[in-house]
Amino acid sequence: MKTIIIGLLFIVGHLATPQSFNQPINKPGRSTTNQPNTMETQAMQVVREFLTAVQQGNQVKLAAAIHPTIEWNQPGNNRFSGIKKSSTEVFKMVGGMFEATSNTLALTDIKVLTANGNSVACLVHWKAAQPNGGILDVDNIDVYTVENGQIVKARVYSADIAQEDEFWMN
């Protein structure tokens, strides 16, 4: 599975230039004015603000960033896996995750953001602990699609789906 994730990162990295989370979006090889693609700039900004809101627990910004009819694909074979078809279903899933971890679930690192048109791939790191001693410590690749300033689709890839399934089964 790690080979697949690394391969996906390699491919995504070659589709668009990787961007550090805190750096401006400028790509080599553009016009002499070095102007970023507006669609990519907007998509990166929306996703960056969304991930920052996740880290800060800012419910208002989270709700504003996610389209009401978002399609969210959560990987694995556990109680949170599957396709969610609305922001309500996404927030219910996330609420269940926080409940299962006694509010310890945290997005601890945003390692890479890279855009290709209105699609943004992110390498992120999650940590959580359960009262029964279960530990989650995993990298994910999230791919978001942005339209009209909101995230309309999210697809999550786990670097260790077995760890996630075991953790979320408890």
Protein backbone atom coordinates (compact mmCIF):
# COMPACT_ATOMS: atom_id res chain seq x y z
CA MET A 1 0.00 0.00 0.00
CA LYS A 2 2.84 2.39 0.80
CA THR A 3 4.21 1.76 -2.70
CA ILE A 4 0.88 2.83 -4.19
CA ILE A 5 0.79 5.98 -2.04
CA ILE A 6 4.39 6.87 -2.91
CA GLY A 7 3.63 6.25 -6.60
CA LEU A 8 0.57 8.49 -6.39
CA LEU A 9 2.63 11.24 -4.78
CA PHE A 10 5.24 10.85 -7.52
CA ILE A 11 2.62 11.13 -10.25
CA VAL A 12 0.77 14.03 -8.62
CA GLY A 13 4.10 15.77 -8.01
CA HIS A 14 4.87 15.62 -11.70
CA LEU A 15 1.44 16.87 -12.73
CA ALA A 16 1.93 20.08 -10.80
CA THR A 17 4.82 21.65 -8.93
CA PRO A 18 4.64 20.88 -5.18
CA GLN A 19 3.99 23.89 -3.01
CA SER A 20 5.10 24.34 0.53
CA PHE A 21 2.08 25.00 2.74
CA ASN A 22 3.25 28.46 3.75
CA GLN A 23 4.80 29.65 0.48
CA PRO A 24 3.24 31.59 -2.39
CA ILE A 25 2.09 29.71 -5.44
CA ASN A 26 4.52 30.46 -8.27
CA LYS A 27 5.50 27.89 -10.87
CA PRO A 28 8.63 27.89 -12.99
CA GLY A 29 8.14 28.01 -16.72
CA ARG A 30 5.23 30.44 -16.64
CA SER A 31 5.16 33.76 -18.45
CA THR A 32 7.91 36.29 -17.76
CA THR A 33 5.59 37.95 -15.25
CA ASN A 34 5.45 34.59 -13.42
CA GLN A 35 1.73 34.92 -12.74
CA PRO A 36 0.13 31.86 -11.11
CA ASN A 37 -2.88 30.16 -12.69
CA THR A 38 -5.96 31.79 -11.20
CA MET A 39 -7.90 28.52 -10.90
CA GLU A 40 -4.97 26.83 -9.14
CA THR A 41 -4.41 29.87 -6.92
CA GLN A 42 -8.06 29.88 -5.83
CA ALA A 43 -8.15 26.11 -5.29
CA MET A 44 -4.95 26.19 -3.23
CA GLN A 45 -6.28 29.08 -1.14
CA VAL A 46 -9.59 27.33 -0.44
CA VAL A 47 -7.88 24.08 0.57
CA ARG A 48 -5.21 25.86 2.63
CA GLU A 49 -7.93 27.75 4.52
CA PHE A 50 -9.92 24.54 4.97
CA LEU A 51 -6.95 22.63 6.40
CA THR A 52 -6.06 25.53 8.69
CA ALA A 53 -9.67 25.57 9.92
CA VAL A 54 -9.41 21.81 10.55
CA GLN A 55 -6.29 22.38 12.66
CA GLN A 56 -7.94 25.23 14.57
CA GLY A 57 -11.33 23.55 14.93
CA ASN A 58 -12.98 26.57 13.30
CA GLN A 59 -16.48 25.25 12.56
CA VAL A 60 -17.62 28.43 10.79
CA LYS A 61 -14.76 28.33 8.27
CA LEU A 62 -15.14 24.57 7.82
CA ALA A 63 -18.84 24.91 7.02
CA ALA A 64 -18.11 27.74 4.56
CA ALA A 65 -15.38 25.77 2.77
CA ILE A 66 -17.43 22.62 2.13
CA HIS A 67 -20.23 22.62 -0.43
CA PRO A 68 -23.55 21.30 0.96
CA THR A 69 -23.59 18.47 -1.62
CA ILE A 70 -19.91 17.50 -1.27
CA GLU A 71 -18.95 13.96 -2.20
CA TRP A 72 -16.43 12.69 0.37
CA ASN A 73 -14.77 9.30 -0.15
CA GLN A 74 -13.30 7.94 3.10
CA PRO A 75 -11.10 4.85 2.60
CA GLY A 76 -11.05 1.55 4.39
CA ASN A 77 -13.40 -0.98 5.83
CA ASN A 78 -14.49 0.53 9.13
CA ARG A 79 -17.40 2.43 10.64
CA PHE A 80 -16.36 5.71 8.99
CA SER A 81 -15.47 4.35 5.53
CA GLY A 82 -17.47 4.99 2.41
CA ILE A 83 -18.89 7.81 0.35
CA LYS A 84 -20.59 10.71 2.11
CA LYS A 85 -22.91 12.75 -0.13
CA SER A 86 -23.41 15.93 1.88
CA SER A 87 -21.68 18.25 4.30
CA THR A 88 -24.10 16.97 6.96
CA GLU A 89 -22.84 13.40 6.45
CA VAL A 90 -19.21 14.60 6.51
CA PHE A 91 -19.71 16.51 9.76
CA LYS A 92 -21.50 13.49 11.28
CA MET A 93 -18.52 11.28 10.33
CA VAL A 94 -16.00 13.73 11.77
CA GLY A 95 -18.08 14.16 14.92
CA GLY A 96 -18.05 10.38 15.36
CA MET A 97 -14.27 10.36 14.92
CA PHE A 98 -13.84 13.01 17.61
CA GLU A 99 -16.19 11.12 19.93
CA ALA A 100 -14.30 7.84 19.36
CA THR A 101 -11.00 9.56 20.22
CA SER A 102 -12.20 11.65 23.17
CA ASN A 103 -11.44 14.74 21.06
CA THR A 104 -7.77 13.81 20.51
CA LEU A 105 -7.99 13.54 16.70
CA ALA A 106 -5.62 16.15 15.27
CA LEU A 107 -4.28 17.16 11.89
CA THR A 108 -0.68 17.58 13.07
CA ASP A 109 1.12 18.34 9.83
CA ILE A 110 0.41 19.62 6.34
CA LYS A 111 3.47 18.46 4.45
CA VAL A 112 2.66 19.18 0.80
CA LEU A 113 -0.03 20.99 -1.19
CA THR A 114 0.03 20.76 -4.97
CA ALA A 115 -2.53 21.92 -7.53
CA ASN A 116 -3.52 20.85 -11.00
CA GLY A 117 -6.36 23.04 -12.22
CA ASN A 118 -9.11 22.98 -9.61
CA SER A 119 -7.78 19.79 -7.99
CA VAL A 120 -5.49 20.00 -4.95
CA ALA A 121 -3.56 17.04 -3.51
CA CYS A 122 -2.27 17.26 0.06
CA LEU A 123 0.07 15.10 2.08
CA VAL A 124 -1.12 15.42 5.68
CA HIS A 125 -0.47 13.68 8.99
CA TRP A 126 -3.11 12.67 11.55
CA LYS A 127 -2.74 11.56 15.16
CA ALA A 128 -5.30 10.39 17.69
CA ALA A 129 -5.64 8.20 20.76
CA GLN A 130 -8.57 6.20 22.05
CA PRO A 131 -9.44 5.70 25.72
CA ASN A 132 -8.77 1.95 25.26
CA GLY A 133 -5.16 2.68 24.25
CA GLY A 134 -5.52 2.57 20.46
CA ILE A 135 -3.18 4.95 18.63
CA LEU A 136 -3.54 6.49 15.18
CA ASP A 137 -0.39 7.98 13.66
CA VAL A 138 -0.73 8.06 9.87
CA ASP A 139 -0.05 10.01 6.69
CA ASN A 140 -2.90 10.56 4.27
CA ILE A 141 -3.08 11.97 0.80
CA ASP A 142 -6.25 13.99 0.40
CA VAL A 143 -7.36 15.13 -3.04
CA TYR A 144 -9.87 17.98 -3.09
CA THR A 145 -11.82 19.41 -6.02
CA VAL A 146 -12.75 23.08 -5.71
CA GLU A 147 -15.52 24.85 -7.61
CA ASN A 148 -16.80 28.37 -7.02
CA GLY A 149 -14.75 28.78 -3.84
CA GLN A 150 -15.93 25.57 -2.13
CA ILE A 151 -14.73 22.00 -1.86
CA VAL A 152 -17.15 19.84 -3.86
CA LYS A 153 -15.28 16.54 -3.74
CA ALA A 154 -12.76 14.92 -1.40
CA ARG A 155 -10.98 11.60 -1.82
CA VAL A 156 -8.78 10.36 1.01
CA TYR A 157 -5.92 7.87 0.57
CA SER A 158 -4.26 6.35 3.63
CA ALA A 159 -0.60 5.36 3.81
CA ASP A 160 -1.61 2.64 6.30
CA ILE A 161 -5.20 1.57 5.78
CA ALA A 162 -4.74 -1.48 8.04
CA GLN A 163 -3.80 0.82 10.93
CA GLU A 164 -6.80 3.05 10.23
CA ASP A 165 -9.22 0.12 9.95
CA GLU A 166 -7.99 -1.38 13.21
CA PHE A 167 -8.12 1.98 14.97
CA TRP A 168 -11.61 2.92 13.76
CA MET A 169 -13.07 -0.56 14.33
CA ASN A 170 -12.68 -0.15 18.11
